[in-house]
Amino acid sequence: MAAKSTNSTISLAPNVAGALCYVPVVGWVAALVLLIVEKNPAVRWNAVQSLLLSGVLWLVGIVLTMTIILALLNFPIMIGGLILNLVLAVKTYQGETVKLPVLAGWTDKILKRA
């Protein structure tokens, strides 16, 4: 089991809390709660990136379903998003920080304002 951080306000290790943010389907709820409650900067960073990823996937799904032709692309993209979330959860649990190309920049900007 990973060592607990002294900078944490919850009883989860930072790698476990960060990985919870990326769990498919319910990760956005954990990310929202951890963003509000947690003080550890690494956990907050993963929470924001996870929320941005969920928002982008949701927005892409909405846009693609506006036409019949593009709606056919919705399923493969959502499966790709599911796989991406699982990979991010595993990598975060292992202690790695995975920065997604555009979302990492947005995450840094959001956390600097907060």
PDB file of N, CA and C in Angstrom:
ATOM      1  N   MET A   1       0.838  -1.187   0.000  1.00  0.00           N
ATOM      2  CA  MET A   1       0.000   0.000   0.000  1.00  0.00           C
ATOM      3  C   MET A   1       0.878   1.245   0.000  1.00  0.00           C
ATOM      4  N   ALA A   2       0.439   2.255  -0.683  1.00  0.00           N
ATOM      5  CA  ALA A   2       1.223   3.484  -0.812  1.00  0.00           C
ATOM      6  C   ALA A   2       1.208   4.261   0.504  1.00  0.00           C
ATOM      7  N   ALA A   3       2.256   5.002   0.719  1.00  0.00           N
ATOM      8  CA  ALA A   3       2.351   5.817   1.922  1.00  0.00           C
ATOM      9  C   ALA A   3       1.370   6.977   1.844  1.00  0.00           C
ATOM     10  N   LYS A   4       0.834   7.339   2.990  1.00  0.00           N
ATOM     11  CA  LYS A   4      -0.123   8.437   3.025  1.00  0.00           C
ATOM     12  C   LYS A   4       0.611   9.766   3.091  1.00  0.00           C
ATOM     13  N   SER A   5       0.069  10.745   2.426  1.00  0.00           N
ATOM     14  CA  SER A   5       0.675  12.069   2.387  1.00  0.00           C
ATOM     15  C   SER A   5       0.228  12.867   3.606  1.00  0.00           C
ATOM     16  N   THR A   6       1.110  13.698   4.130  1.00  0.00           N
ATOM     17  CA  THR A   6       0.744  14.546   5.264  1.00  0.00           C
ATOM     18  C   THR A   6      -0.041  15.762   4.807  1.00  0.00           C
ATOM     19  N   ASN A   7      -0.041  16.039   3.520  1.00  0.00           N
ATOM     20  CA  ASN A   7      -0.727  17.196   2.973  1.00  0.00           C
ATOM     21  C   ASN A   7      -2.150  16.856   2.538  1.00  0.00           C
ATOM     22  N   SER A   8      -2.664  15.718   2.951  1.00  0.00           N
ATOM     23  CA  SER A   8      -3.967  15.253   2.489  1.00  0.00           C
ATOM     24  C   SER A   8      -5.032  15.522   3.543  1.00  0.00           C
ATOM     25  N   THR A   9      -6.233  15.833   3.104  1.00  0.00           N
ATOM     26  CA  THR A   9      -7.340  16.041   4.030  1.00  0.00           C
ATOM     27  C   THR A   9      -8.268  14.840   4.088  1.00  0.00           C
ATOM     28  N   ILE A  10      -7.994  13.834   3.276  1.00  0.00           N
ATOM     29  CA  ILE A  10      -8.804  12.621   3.283  1.00  0.00           C
ATOM     30  C   ILE A  10      -7.910  11.450   3.666  1.00  0.00           C
ATOM     31  N   SER A  11      -8.511  10.306   3.954  1.00  0.00           N
ATOM     32  CA  SER A  11      -7.731   9.161   4.425  1.00  0.00           C
ATOM     33  C   SER A  11      -7.246   8.258   3.291  1.00  0.00           C
ATOM     34  N   LEU A  12      -7.268   8.746   2.066  1.00  0.00           N
ATOM     35  CA  LEU A  12      -6.759   7.984   0.923  1.00  0.00           C
ATOM     36  C   LEU A  12      -5.360   8.445   0.568  1.00  0.00           C
ATOM     37  N   ALA A  13      -4.547   7.512   0.100  1.00  0.00           N
ATOM     38  CA  ALA A  13      -3.234   7.881  -0.421  1.00  0.00           C
ATOM     39  C   ALA A  13      -3.444   8.731  -1.675  1.00  0.00           C
ATOM     40  N   PRO A  14      -2.555   9.664  -1.956  1.00  0.00           N
ATOM     41  CA  PRO A  14      -2.732  10.541  -3.120  1.00  0.00           C
ATOM     42  C   PRO A  14      -2.849   9.789  -4.444  1.00  0.00           C
ATOM     43  N   ASN A  15      -2.114   8.693  -4.601  1.00  0.00           N
ATOM     44  CA  ASN A  15      -2.202   7.951  -5.863  1.00  0.00           C
ATOM     45  C   ASN A  15      -3.561   7.278  -6.008  1.00  0.00           C
ATOM     46  N   VAL A  16      -4.148   6.820  -4.899  1.00  0.00           N
ATOM     47  CA  VAL A  16      -5.478   6.202  -4.952  1.00  0.00           C
ATOM     48  C   VAL A  16      -6.536   7.268  -5.228  1.00  0.00           C
ATOM     49  N   ALA A  17      -6.432   8.395  -4.560  1.00  0.00           N
ATOM     50  CA  ALA A  17      -7.400   9.476  -4.772  1.00  0.00           C
ATOM     51  C   ALA A  17      -7.335   9.989  -6.210  1.00  0.00           C
ATOM     52  N   GLY A  18      -6.118  10.145  -6.735  1.00  0.00           N
ATOM     53  CA  GLY A  18      -5.964  10.593  -8.120  1.00  0.00           C
ATOM     54  C   GLY A  18      -6.531   9.588  -9.103  1.00  0.00           C
ATOM     55  N   ALA A  19      -6.305   8.298  -8.851  1.00  0.00           N
ATOM     56  CA  ALA A  19      -6.820   7.256  -9.740  1.00  0.00           C
ATOM     57  C   ALA A  19      -8.343   7.207  -9.716  1.00  0.00           C
ATOM     58  N   LEU A  20      -8.946   7.474  -8.559  1.00  0.00           N
ATOM     59  CA  LEU A  20     -10.417   7.480  -8.477  1.00  0.00           C
ATOM     60  C   LEU A  20     -11.040   8.511  -9.412  1.00  0.00           C
ATOM     61  N   CYS A  21     -10.323   9.590  -9.665  1.00  0.00           N
ATOM     62  CA  CYS A  21     -10.841  10.639 -10.544  1.00  0.00           C
ATOM     63  C   CYS A  21     -11.052  10.137 -11.975  1.00  0.00           C
ATOM     64  N   TYR A  22     -10.286   9.130 -12.380  1.00  0.00           N
ATOM     65  CA  TYR A  22     -10.339   8.647 -13.755  1.00  0.00           C
ATOM     66  C   TYR A  22     -11.178   7.385 -13.938  1.00  0.00           C
ATOM     67  N   VAL A  23     -11.795   6.897 -12.877  1.00  0.00           N
ATOM     68  CA  VAL A  23     -12.616   5.689 -13.002  1.00  0.00           C
ATOM     69  C   VAL A  23     -13.767   5.993 -13.956  1.00  0.00           C
ATOM     70  N   PRO A  24     -13.942   5.167 -14.989  1.00  0.00           N
ATOM     71  CA  PRO A  24     -15.014   5.436 -15.956  1.00  0.00           C
ATOM     72  C   PRO A  24     -16.394   5.493 -15.299  1.00  0.00           C
ATOM     73  N   VAL A  25     -17.234   6.305 -15.827  1.00  0.00           N
ATOM     74  CA  VAL A  25     -18.642   6.521 -15.465  1.00  0.00           C
ATOM     75  C   VAL A  25     -18.800   7.319 -14.177  1.00  0.00           C
ATOM     76  N   VAL A  26     -18.155   6.944 -13.078  1.00  0.00           N
ATOM     77  CA  VAL A  26     -18.349   7.643 -11.807  1.00  0.00           C
ATOM     78  C   VAL A  26     -17.158   8.517 -11.414  1.00  0.00           C
ATOM     79  N   GLY A  27     -16.119   8.517 -12.217  1.00  0.00           N
ATOM     80  CA  GLY A  27     -14.921   9.272 -11.884  1.00  0.00           C
ATOM     81  C   GLY A  27     -15.154  10.764 -11.770  1.00  0.00           C
ATOM     82  N   TRP A  28     -16.058  11.286 -12.560  1.00  0.00           N
ATOM     83  CA  TRP A  28     -16.302  12.728 -12.511  1.00  0.00           C
ATOM     84  C   TRP A  28     -16.892  13.138 -11.158  1.00  0.00           C
ATOM     85  N   VAL A  29     -17.666  12.248 -10.521  1.00  0.00           N
ATOM     86  CA  VAL A  29     -18.221  12.549  -9.201  1.00  0.00           C
ATOM     87  C   VAL A  29     -17.089  12.588  -8.171  1.00  0.00           C
ATOM     88  N   ALA A  30     -16.216  11.576  -8.210  1.00  0.00           N
ATOM     89  CA  ALA A  30     -15.071  11.544  -7.299  1.00  0.00           C
ATOM     90  C   ALA A  30     -14.171  12.755  -7.540  1.00  0.00           C
ATOM     91  N   ALA A  31     -13.970  13.109  -8.797  1.00  0.00           N
ATOM     92  CA  ALA A  31     -13.130  14.261  -9.128  1.00  0.00           C
ATOM     93  C   ALA A  31     -13.717  15.548  -8.572  1.00  0.00           C
ATOM     94  N   LEU A  32     -15.009  15.708  -8.695  1.00  0.00           N
ATOM     95  CA  LEU A  32     -15.671  16.904  -8.178  1.00  0.00           C
ATOM     96  C   LEU A  32     -15.540  16.993  -6.662  1.00  0.00           C
ATOM     97  N   VAL A  33     -15.781  15.880  -5.975  1.00  0.00           N
ATOM     98  CA  VAL A  33     -15.675  15.855  -4.515  1.00  0.00           C
ATOM     99  C   VAL A  33     -14.234  16.122  -4.080  1.00  0.00           C
ATOM    100  N   LEU A  34     -13.278  15.453  -4.727  1.00  0.00           N
ATOM    101  CA  LEU A  34     -11.878  15.643  -4.350  1.00  0.00           C
ATOM    102  C   LEU A  34     -11.387  17.046  -4.665  1.00  0.00           C
ATOM    103  N   LEU A  35     -11.883  17.640  -5.721  1.00  0.00           N
ATOM    104  CA  LEU A  35     -11.502  19.012  -6.056  1.00  0.00           C
ATOM    105  C   LEU A  35     -11.954  19.981  -4.966  1.00  0.00           C
ATOM    106  N   ILE A  36     -13.115  19.722  -4.406  1.00  0.00           N
ATOM    107  CA  ILE A  36     -13.661  20.593  -3.365  1.00  0.00           C
ATOM    108  C   ILE A  36     -12.987  20.338  -2.016  1.00  0.00           C
ATOM    109  N   VAL A  37     -12.756  19.071  -1.673  1.00  0.00           N
ATOM    110  CA  VAL A  37     -12.317  18.698  -0.330  1.00  0.00           C
ATOM    111  C   VAL A  37     -10.800  18.629  -0.175  1.00  0.00           C
ATOM    112  N   GLU A  38     -10.102  18.134  -1.175  1.00  0.00           N
ATOM    113  CA  GLU A  38      -8.685  17.798  -1.047  1.00  0.00           C
ATOM    114  C   GLU A  38      -7.782  19.019  -1.197  1.00  0.00           C
ATOM    115  N   LYS A  39      -6.686  19.019  -0.425  1.00  0.00           N
ATOM    116  CA  LYS A  39      -5.714  20.109  -0.500  1.00  0.00           C
ATOM    117  C   LYS A  39      -4.426  19.696  -1.194  1.00  0.00           C
ATOM    118  N   ASN A  40      -4.221  18.412  -1.406  1.00  0.00           N
ATOM    119  CA  ASN A  40      -3.016  17.926  -2.066  1.00  0.00           C
ATOM    120  C   ASN A  40      -3.026  18.396  -3.519  1.00  0.00           C
ATOM    121  N   PRO A  41      -1.986  19.121  -3.952  1.00  0.00           N
ATOM    122  CA  PRO A  41      -1.993  19.675  -5.313  1.00  0.00           C
ATOM    123  C   PRO A  41      -2.005  18.618  -6.419  1.00  0.00           C
ATOM    124  N   ALA A  42      -1.378  17.475  -6.192  1.00  0.00           N
ATOM    125  CA  ALA A  42      -1.364  16.423  -7.216  1.00  0.00           C
ATOM    126  C   ALA A  42      -2.757  15.833  -7.407  1.00  0.00           C
ATOM    127  N   VAL A  43      -3.476  15.645  -6.318  1.00  0.00           N
ATOM    128  CA  VAL A  43      -4.837  15.098  -6.404  1.00  0.00           C
ATOM    129  C   VAL A  43      -5.759  16.114  -7.070  1.00  0.00           C
ATOM    130  N   ARG A  44      -5.629  17.370  -6.691  1.00  0.00           N
ATOM    131  CA  ARG A  44      -6.451  18.416  -7.305  1.00  0.00           C
ATOM    132  C   ARG A  44      -6.170  18.523  -8.800  1.00  0.00           C
ATOM    133  N   TRP A  45      -4.883  18.387  -9.194  1.00  0.00           N
ATOM    134  CA  TRP A  45      -4.520  18.453 -10.599  1.00  0.00           C
ATOM    135  C   TRP A  45      -5.187  17.316 -11.377  1.00  0.00           C
ATOM    136  N   ASN A  46      -5.129  16.103 -10.841  1.00  0.00           N
ATOM    137  CA  ASN A  46      -5.769  14.969 -11.501  1.00  0.00           C
ATOM    138  C   ASN A  46      -7.287  15.140 -11.549  1.00  0.00           C
ATOM    139  N   ALA A  47      -7.861  15.725 -10.508  1.00  0.00           N
ATOM    140  CA  ALA A  47      -9.309  15.940 -10.485  1.00  0.00           C
ATOM    141  C   ALA A  47      -9.726  16.908 -11.599  1.00  0.00           C
ATOM    142  N   VAL A  48      -8.989  17.998 -11.749  1.00  0.00           N
ATOM    143  CA  VAL A  48      -9.332  18.978 -12.791  1.00  0.00           C
ATOM    144  C   VAL A  48      -9.142  18.377 -14.180  1.00  0.00           C
ATOM    145  N   GLN A  49      -8.026  17.684 -14.408  1.00  0.00           N
ATOM    146  CA  GLN A  49      -7.807  17.086 -15.723  1.00  0.00           C
ATOM    147  C   GLN A  49      -8.889  16.052 -16.030  1.00  0.00           C
ATOM    148  N   SER A  50      -9.298  15.286 -15.032  1.00  0.00           N
ATOM    149  CA  SER A  50     -10.346  14.296 -15.231  1.00  0.00           C
ATOM    150  C   SER A  50     -11.684  14.954 -15.582  1.00  0.00           C
ATOM    151  N   LEU A  51     -12.006  16.040 -14.896  1.00  0.00           N
ATOM    152  CA  LEU A  51     -13.253  16.753 -15.202  1.00  0.00           C
ATOM    153  C   LEU A  51     -13.220  17.351 -16.604  1.00  0.00           C
ATOM    154  N   LEU A  52     -12.077  17.897 -16.995  1.00  0.00           N
ATOM    155  CA  LEU A  52     -11.954  18.440 -18.347  1.00  0.00           C
ATOM    156  C   LEU A  52     -12.078  17.337 -19.399  1.00  0.00           C
ATOM    157  N   LEU A  53     -11.448  16.194 -19.153  1.00  0.00           N
ATOM    158  CA  LEU A  53     -11.551  15.074 -20.085  1.00  0.00           C
ATOM    159  C   LEU A  53     -12.990  14.592 -20.206  1.00  0.00           C
ATOM    160  N   SER A  54     -13.680  14.478 -19.083  1.00  0.00           N
ATOM    161  CA  SER A  54     -15.090  14.055 -19.115  1.00  0.00           C
ATOM    162  C   SER A  54     -15.938  15.061 -19.882  1.00  0.00           C
ATOM    163  N   GLY A  55     -15.674  16.336 -19.652  1.00  0.00           N
ATOM    164  CA  GLY A  55     -16.424  17.373 -20.356  1.00  0.00           C
ATOM    165  C   GLY A  55     -16.182  17.358 -21.854  1.00  0.00           C
ATOM    166  N   VAL A  56     -14.937  17.170 -22.250  1.00  0.00           N
ATOM    167  CA  VAL A  56     -14.610  17.116 -23.686  1.00  0.00           C
ATOM    168  C   VAL A  56     -15.266  15.902 -24.328  1.00  0.00           C
ATOM    169  N   LEU A  57     -15.182  14.743 -23.679  1.00  0.00           N
ATOM    170  CA  LEU A  57     -15.816  13.541 -24.235  1.00  0.00           C
ATOM    171  C   LEU A  57     -17.332  13.707 -24.333  1.00  0.00           C
ATOM    172  N   TRP A  58     -17.924  14.327 -23.339  1.00  0.00           N
ATOM    173  CA  TRP A  58     -19.369  14.560 -23.355  1.00  0.00           C
ATOM    174  C   TRP A  58     -19.739  15.518 -24.493  1.00  0.00           C
ATOM    175  N   LEU A  59     -18.971  16.591 -24.650  1.00  0.00           N
ATOM    176  CA  LEU A  59     -19.236  17.568 -25.703  1.00  0.00           C
ATOM    177  C   LEU A  59     -19.050  16.951 -27.092  1.00  0.00           C
ATOM    178  N   VAL A  60     -18.014  16.153 -27.265  1.00  0.00           N
ATOM    179  CA  VAL A  60     -17.787  15.480 -28.546  1.00  0.00           C
ATOM    180  C   VAL A  60     -18.950  14.535 -28.850  1.00  0.00           C
ATOM    181  N   GLY A  61     -19.430  13.826 -27.845  1.00  0.00           N
ATOM    182  CA  GLY A  61     -20.573  12.937 -28.031  1.00  0.00           C
ATOM    183  C   GLY A  61     -21.819  13.681 -28.472  1.00  0.00           C
ATOM    184  N   ILE A  62     -22.066  14.828 -27.892  1.00  0.00           N
ATOM    185  CA  ILE A  62     -23.234  15.646 -28.268  1.00  0.00           C
ATOM    186  C   ILE A  62     -23.114  16.130 -29.710  1.00  0.00           C
ATOM    187  N   VAL A  63     -21.939  16.645 -30.054  1.00  0.00           N
ATOM    188  CA  VAL A  63     -21.732  17.186 -31.403  1.00  0.00           C
ATOM    189  C   VAL A  63     -21.846  16.079 -32.454  1.00  0.00           C
ATOM    190  N   LEU A  64     -21.272  14.922 -32.166  1.00  0.00           N
ATOM    191  CA  LEU A  64     -21.298  13.839 -33.153  1.00  0.00           C
ATOM    192  C   LEU A  64     -22.702  13.281 -33.387  1.00  0.00           C
ATOM    193  N   THR A  65     -23.545  13.326 -32.391  1.00  0.00           N
ATOM    194  CA  THR A  65     -24.887  12.770 -32.564  1.00  0.00           C
ATOM    195  C   THR A  65     -25.844  13.748 -33.262  1.00  0.00           C
ATOM    196  N   MET A  66     -25.361  14.889 -33.673  1.00  0.00           N
ATOM    197  CA  MET A  66     -26.226  15.849 -34.363  1.00  0.00           C
ATOM    198  C   MET A  66     -26.531  15.433 -35.793  1.00  0.00           C
ATOM    199  N   THR A  67     -25.681  14.614 -36.380  1.00  0.00           N
ATOM    200  CA  THR A  67     -25.969  14.107 -37.717  1.00  0.00           C
ATOM    201  C   THR A  67     -25.844  12.587 -37.711  1.00  0.00           C
ATOM    202  N   ILE A  68     -26.553  11.957 -38.613  1.00  0.00           N
ATOM    203  CA  ILE A  68     -26.542  10.493 -38.687  1.00  0.00           C
ATOM    204  C   ILE A  68     -25.155   9.966 -39.051  1.00  0.00           C
ATOM    205  N   ILE A  69     -24.509  10.593 -39.995  1.00  0.00           N
ATOM    206  CA  ILE A  69     -23.191  10.119 -40.453  1.00  0.00           C
ATOM    207  C   ILE A  69     -22.165  10.205 -39.327  1.00  0.00           C
ATOM    208  N   LEU A  70     -22.099  11.353 -38.662  1.00  0.00           N
ATOM    209  CA  LEU A  70     -21.132  11.520 -37.582  1.00  0.00           C
ATOM    210  C   LEU A  70     -21.492  10.699 -36.347  1.00  0.00           C
ATOM    211  N   ALA A  71     -22.771  10.383 -36.181  1.00  0.00           N
ATOM    212  CA  ALA A  71     -23.201   9.585 -35.034  1.00  0.00           C
ATOM    213  C   ALA A  71     -22.550   8.205 -35.045  1.00  0.00           C
ATOM    214  N   LEU A  72     -22.184   7.722 -36.229  1.00  0.00           N
ATOM    215  CA  LEU A  72     -21.515   6.434 -36.321  1.00  0.00           C
ATOM    216  C   LEU A  72     -20.125   6.471 -35.671  1.00  0.00           C
ATOM    217  N   LEU A  73     -19.533   7.642 -35.587  1.00  0.00           N
ATOM    218  CA  LEU A  73     -18.226   7.785 -34.951  1.00  0.00           C
ATOM    219  C   LEU A  73     -18.314   7.889 -33.433  1.00  0.00           C
ATOM    220  N   ASN A  74     -19.496   8.124 -32.906  1.00  0.00           N
ATOM    221  CA  ASN A  74     -19.666   8.336 -31.476  1.00  0.00           C
ATOM    222  C   ASN A  74     -19.238   7.115 -30.663  1.00  0.00           C
ATOM    223  N   PHE A  75     -19.659   5.929 -31.057  1.00  0.00           N
ATOM    224  CA  PHE A  75     -19.354   4.723 -30.292  1.00  0.00           C
ATOM    225  C   PHE A  75     -17.846   4.455 -30.225  1.00  0.00           C
ATOM    226  N   PRO A  76     -17.131   4.465 -31.357  1.00  0.00           N
ATOM    227  CA  PRO A  76     -15.674   4.228 -31.252  1.00  0.00           C
ATOM    228  C   PRO A  76     -14.940   5.287 -30.424  1.00  0.00           C
ATOM    229  N   ILE A  77     -15.387   6.528 -30.512  1.00  0.00           N
ATOM    230  CA  ILE A  77     -14.732   7.584 -29.739  1.00  0.00           C
ATOM    231  C   ILE A  77     -15.008   7.405 -28.253  1.00  0.00           C
ATOM    232  N   MET A  78     -16.216   7.010 -27.890  1.00  0.00           N
ATOM    233  CA  MET A  78     -16.537   6.786 -26.484  1.00  0.00           C
ATOM    234  C   MET A  78     -15.783   5.563 -25.935  1.00  0.00           C
ATOM    235  N   ILE A  79     -15.599   4.534 -26.746  1.00  0.00           N
ATOM    236  CA  ILE A  79     -14.795   3.382 -26.327  1.00  0.00           C
ATOM    237  C   ILE A  79     -13.341   3.818 -26.129  1.00  0.00           C
ATOM    238  N   GLY A  80     -12.839   4.658 -27.023  1.00  0.00           N
ATOM    239  CA  GLY A  80     -11.493   5.206 -26.869  1.00  0.00           C
ATOM    240  C   GLY A  80     -11.361   6.025 -25.593  1.00  0.00           C
ATOM    241  N   GLY A  81     -12.393   6.802 -25.278  1.00  0.00           N
ATOM    242  CA  GLY A  81     -12.396   7.583 -24.037  1.00  0.00           C
ATOM    243  C   GLY A  81     -12.407   6.693 -22.807  1.00  0.00           C
ATOM    244  N   LEU A  82     -13.150   5.599 -22.881  1.00  0.00           N
ATOM    245  CA  LEU A  82     -13.190   4.633 -21.778  1.00  0.00           C
ATOM    246  C   LEU A  82     -11.801   4.025 -21.557  1.00  0.00           C
ATOM    247  N   ILE A  83     -11.162   3.623 -22.640  1.00  0.00           N
ATOM    248  CA  ILE A  83      -9.818   3.038 -22.554  1.00  0.00           C
ATOM    249  C   ILE A  83      -8.822   4.076 -22.023  1.00  0.00           C
ATOM    250  N   LEU A  84      -8.932   5.318 -22.493  1.00  0.00           N
ATOM    251  CA  LEU A  84      -8.050   6.382 -22.024  1.00  0.00           C
ATOM    252  C   LEU A  84      -8.221   6.600 -20.523  1.00  0.00           C
ATOM    253  N   ASN A  85      -9.468   6.615 -20.044  1.00  0.00           N
ATOM    254  CA  ASN A  85      -9.719   6.778 -18.617  1.00  0.00           C
ATOM    255  C   ASN A  85      -9.117   5.632 -17.814  1.00  0.00           C
ATOM    256  N   LEU A  86      -9.238   4.406 -18.316  1.00  0.00           N
ATOM    257  CA  LEU A  86      -8.658   3.262 -17.606  1.00  0.00           C
ATOM    258  C   LEU A  86      -7.139   3.348 -17.556  1.00  0.00           C
ATOM    259  N   VAL A  87      -6.523   3.729 -18.663  1.00  0.00           N
ATOM    260  CA  VAL A  87      -5.063   3.876 -18.694  1.00  0.00           C
ATOM    261  C   VAL A  87      -4.618   4.972 -17.725  1.00  0.00           C
ATOM    262  N   LEU A  88      -5.332   6.093 -17.720  1.00  0.00           N
ATOM    263  CA  LEU A  88      -4.987   7.185 -16.810  1.00  0.00           C
ATOM    264  C   LEU A  88      -5.156   6.773 -15.354  1.00  0.00           C
ATOM    265  N   ALA A  89      -6.190   5.997 -15.048  1.00  0.00           N
ATOM    266  CA  ALA A  89      -6.403   5.524 -13.682  1.00  0.00           C
ATOM    267  C   ALA A  89      -5.244   4.629 -13.246  1.00  0.00           C
ATOM    268  N   VAL A  90      -4.825   3.716 -14.100  1.00  0.00           N
ATOM    269  CA  VAL A  90      -3.728   2.802 -13.760  1.00  0.00           C
ATOM    270  C   VAL A  90      -2.420   3.568 -13.611  1.00  0.00           C
ATOM    271  N   LYS A  91      -2.128   4.453 -14.553  1.00  0.00           N
ATOM    272  CA  LYS A  91      -0.884   5.225 -14.493  1.00  0.00           C
ATOM    273  C   LYS A  91      -0.836   6.117 -13.247  1.00  0.00           C
ATOM    274  N   THR A  92      -1.957   6.735 -12.912  1.00  0.00           N
ATOM    275  CA  THR A  92      -2.013   7.587 -11.725  1.00  0.00           C
ATOM    276  C   THR A  92      -1.853   6.748 -10.461  1.00  0.00           C
ATOM    277  N   TYR A  93      -2.458   5.581 -10.436  1.00  0.00           N
ATOM    278  CA  TYR A  93      -2.315   4.698  -9.288  1.00  0.00           C
ATOM    279  C   TYR A  93      -0.859   4.276  -9.112  1.00  0.00           C
ATOM    280  N   GLN A  94      -0.139   4.120 -10.206  1.00  0.00           N
ATOM    281  CA  GLN A  94       1.282   3.747 -10.158  1.00  0.00           C
ATOM    282  C   GLN A  94       2.177   4.932  -9.795  1.00  0.00           C
ATOM    283  N   GLY A  95       1.596   6.110  -9.639  1.00  0.00           N
ATOM    284  CA  GLY A  95       2.359   7.280  -9.226  1.00  0.00           C
ATOM    285  C   GLY A  95       2.837   8.163 -10.356  1.00  0.00           C
ATOM    286  N   GLU A  96       2.480   7.845 -11.584  1.00  0.00           N
ATOM    287  CA  GLU A  96       2.885   8.660 -12.728  1.00  0.00           C
ATOM    288  C   GLU A  96       1.899   9.809 -12.939  1.00  0.00           C
ATOM    289  N   THR A  97       2.394  10.908 -13.465  1.00  0.00           N
ATOM    290  CA  THR A  97       1.531  12.017 -13.854  1.00  0.00           C
ATOM    291  C   THR A  97       1.478  12.043 -15.374  1.00  0.00           C
ATOM    292  N   VAL A  98       0.311  11.770 -15.911  1.00  0.00           N
ATOM    293  CA  VAL A  98       0.138  11.771 -17.366  1.00  0.00           C
ATOM    294  C   VAL A  98      -0.523  13.093 -17.743  1.00  0.00           C
ATOM    295  N   LYS A  99       0.175  13.866 -18.562  1.00  0.00           N
ATOM    296  CA  LYS A  99      -0.355  15.157 -18.989  1.00  0.00           C
ATOM    297  C   LYS A  99      -0.879  15.024 -20.413  1.00  0.00           C
ATOM    298  N   LEU A 100      -2.173  15.157 -20.554  1.00  0.00           N
ATOM    299  CA  LEU A 100      -2.788  15.112 -21.874  1.00  0.00           C
ATOM    300  C   LEU A 100      -2.474  16.422 -22.595  1.00  0.00           C
ATOM    301  N   PRO A 101      -2.191  16.365 -23.898  1.00  0.00           N
ATOM    302  CA  PRO A 101      -1.648  17.517 -24.621  1.00  0.00           C
ATOM    303  C   PRO A 101      -2.326  18.868 -24.379  1.00  0.00           C
ATOM    304  N   VAL A 102      -3.568  19.011 -24.634  1.00  0.00           N
ATOM    305  CA  VAL A 102      -4.223  20.316 -24.485  1.00  0.00           C
ATOM    306  C   VAL A 102      -4.801  20.478 -23.084  1.00  0.00           C
ATOM    307  N   LEU A 103      -5.341  19.408 -22.547  1.00  0.00           N
ATOM    308  CA  LEU A 103      -6.012  19.474 -21.252  1.00  0.00           C
ATOM    309  C   LEU A 103      -5.060  19.799 -20.112  1.00  0.00           C
ATOM    310  N   ALA A 104      -3.802  19.394 -20.196  1.00  0.00           N
ATOM    311  CA  ALA A 104      -2.836  19.695 -19.133  1.00  0.00           C
ATOM    312  C   ALA A 104      -2.607  21.200 -19.021  1.00  0.00           C
ATOM    313  N   GLY A 105      -2.536  21.867 -20.149  1.00  0.00           N
ATOM    314  CA  GLY A 105      -2.384  23.325 -20.132  1.00  0.00           C
ATOM    315  C   GLY A 105      -3.587  24.014 -19.519  1.00  0.00           C
ATOM    316  N   TRP A 106      -4.766  23.551 -19.891  1.00  0.00           N
ATOM    317  CA  TRP A 106      -5.993  24.114 -19.312  1.00  0.00           C
ATOM    318  C   TRP A 106      -6.042  23.843 -17.812  1.00  0.00           C
ATOM    319  N   THR A 107      -5.615  22.645 -17.414  1.00  0.00           N
ATOM    320  CA  THR A 107      -5.622  22.284 -15.997  1.00  0.00           C
ATOM    321  C   THR A 107      -4.704  23.213 -15.214  1.00  0.00           C
ATOM    322  N   ASP A 108      -3.518  23.457 -15.728  1.00  0.00           N
ATOM    323  CA  ASP A 108      -2.581  24.361 -15.053  1.00  0.00           C
ATOM    324  C   ASP A 108      -3.162  25.768 -14.927  1.00  0.00           C
ATOM    325  N   LYS A 109      -3.790  26.250 -15.985  1.00  0.00           N
ATOM    326  CA  LYS A 109      -4.387  27.594 -15.946  1.00  0.00           C
ATOM    327  C   LYS A 109      -5.518  27.672 -14.922  1.00  0.00           C
ATOM    328  N   ILE A 110      -6.358  26.638 -14.854  1.00  0.00           N
ATOM    329  CA  ILE A 110      -7.471  26.636 -13.914  1.00  0.00           C
ATOM    330  C   ILE A 110      -6.968  26.619 -12.482  1.00  0.00           C
ATOM    331  N   LEU A 111      -5.972  25.807 -12.196  1.00  0.00           N
ATOM    332  CA  LEU A 111      -5.463  25.704 -10.829  1.00  0.00           C
ATOM    333  C   LEU A 111      -4.669  26.929 -10.409  1.00  0.00           C
ATOM    334  N   LYS A 112      -4.075  27.652 -11.355  1.00  0.00           N
ATOM    335  CA  LYS A 112      -3.373  28.885 -10.997  1.00  0.00           C
ATOM    336  C   LYS A 112      -4.343  29.983 -10.589  1.00  0.00           C
ATOM    337  N   ARG A 113      -5.532  29.959 -11.176  1.00  0.00           N
ATOM    338  CA  ARG A 113      -6.556  30.955 -10.833  1.00  0.00           C
ATOM    339  C   ARG A 113      -7.179  30.666  -9.478  1.00  0.00           C
ATOM    340  N   ALA A 114      -7.245  29.397  -9.094  1.00  0.00           N
ATOM    341  CA  ALA A 114      -7.931  29.020  -7.843  1.00  0.00           C
ATOM    342  C   ALA A 114      -7.110  29.338  -6.630  1.00  0.00           C
TER     343      ALA A 114
END
